[in-house]
Amino acid sequence: MKILTIGRKGADIVIDDDSVSRQHAELTLTSDGKYYLVDCGSSNGTEINAGSGWKSVKQEFIREDDQLRFAGRHKMTGRELIQRIRR
């Protein structure tokens, strides 16, 4: 299991957007290959759209096809987020 921080400067996965908190969220890579996203009490929130509309995320397993939105402005898919780990 590996836990990575998502946020601005100094995070494991950097999102260069002032609306994103410094330590916005965490992404856990589980031992069975799943991805678990946790909002870290960010100021502007984290949302997911898995095909049924946007919903706020506190903690949620995500898939590569899920749409993610950080702070209401920065959008990416689960796949794009995961690809940032591999850089």
Protein backbone atom coordinates (compact mmCIF):
# COMPACT_ATOMS: atom_id res chain seq x y z
CA MET A 1 0.00 0.00 0.00
CA LYS A 2 1.25 3.46 -0.88
CA ILE A 3 -0.27 6.84 0.11
CA LEU A 4 0.39 9.92 -2.03
CA THR A 5 -0.57 13.52 -1.33
CA ILE A 6 -2.39 15.63 -3.93
CA GLY A 7 -2.09 19.41 -3.81
CA ARG A 8 0.03 22.39 -4.68
CA LYS A 9 3.82 22.67 -4.31
CA GLY A 10 5.46 19.93 -2.28
CA ALA A 11 2.74 17.30 -2.86
CA ASP A 12 3.47 13.94 -4.45
CA ILE A 13 0.93 14.75 -7.19
CA VAL A 14 1.05 18.48 -7.93
CA ILE A 15 -1.93 20.44 -9.26
CA ASP A 16 -0.72 23.95 -10.02
CA ASP A 17 -3.94 25.84 -9.29
CA ASP A 18 -4.41 28.40 -6.51
CA SER A 19 -7.90 27.06 -5.74
CA VAL A 20 -6.38 23.69 -4.78
CA SER A 21 -5.23 23.38 -1.16
CA ARG A 22 -1.57 22.67 -0.38
CA GLN A 23 -2.57 19.24 0.95
CA HIS A 24 -5.89 18.86 -0.84
CA ALA A 25 -6.36 15.07 -0.93
CA GLU A 26 -4.61 11.72 -0.62
CA LEU A 27 -4.57 8.86 -3.08
CA THR A 28 -3.93 5.39 -1.68
CA LEU A 29 -2.74 2.65 -3.99
CA THR A 30 -3.98 -0.54 -2.33
CA SER A 31 -2.16 -3.84 -2.35
CA ASP A 32 -4.85 -5.31 -4.64
CA GLY A 33 -4.42 -2.58 -7.29
CA LYS A 34 -7.32 -0.27 -6.38
CA TYR A 35 -7.21 3.51 -5.91
CA TYR A 36 -8.75 5.16 -2.84
CA LEU A 37 -9.21 8.94 -2.84
CA VAL A 38 -9.64 10.92 0.42
CA ASP A 39 -10.31 14.66 0.63
CA CYS A 40 -8.11 16.09 3.42
CA GLY A 41 -10.59 18.76 4.53
CA SER A 42 -9.68 20.98 1.58
CA SER A 43 -11.11 24.49 1.43
CA ASN A 44 -12.82 24.03 -1.94
CA GLY A 45 -13.59 20.31 -1.96
CA THR A 46 -13.14 17.29 -4.20
CA GLU A 47 -15.85 15.86 -6.45
CA ILE A 48 -16.34 12.74 -8.54
CA ASN A 49 -18.58 12.00 -11.51
CA ALA A 50 -18.86 8.30 -12.18
CA GLY A 51 -21.64 8.75 -14.73
CA SER A 52 -24.47 9.84 -12.43
CA GLY A 53 -23.52 13.50 -11.89
CA TRP A 54 -21.06 15.29 -9.63
CA LYS A 55 -20.94 14.40 -5.94
CA SER A 56 -18.72 15.57 -3.15
CA VAL A 57 -16.01 13.12 -2.05
CA LYS A 58 -14.84 12.56 1.49
CA GLN A 59 -13.44 9.11 0.77
CA GLU A 60 -14.14 6.96 -2.23
CA PHE A 61 -12.62 4.22 -4.39
CA ILE A 62 -12.05 5.63 -7.88
CA ARG A 63 -11.71 4.05 -11.30
CA GLU A 64 -9.68 5.24 -14.27
CA ASP A 65 -12.81 6.36 -16.17
CA ASP A 66 -14.18 8.48 -13.30
CA GLN A 67 -14.17 12.25 -13.78
CA LEU A 68 -12.56 14.10 -10.86
CA ARG A 69 -12.82 17.76 -9.97
CA PHE A 70 -10.53 19.43 -7.44
CA ALA A 71 -11.70 22.75 -5.95
CA GLY A 72 -14.48 22.98 -8.50
CA ARG A 73 -12.13 24.15 -11.25
CA HIS A 74 -9.45 21.61 -12.02
CA LYS A 75 -10.86 18.55 -13.84
CA MET A 76 -9.15 15.30 -14.77
CA THR A 77 -9.98 11.64 -15.13
CA GLY A 78 -8.86 8.99 -12.69
CA ARG A 79 -6.55 7.79 -15.48
CA GLU A 80 -4.90 11.23 -15.78
CA LEU A 81 -4.42 11.39 -12.00
CA ILE A 82 -2.86 7.92 -11.94
CA GLN A 83 -0.56 8.78 -14.86
CA ARG A 84 0.88 11.63 -12.80
CA ILE A 85 2.10 9.03 -10.29
CA ARG A 86 4.09 7.20 -12.94
CA ARG A 87 6.08 10.30 -14.00
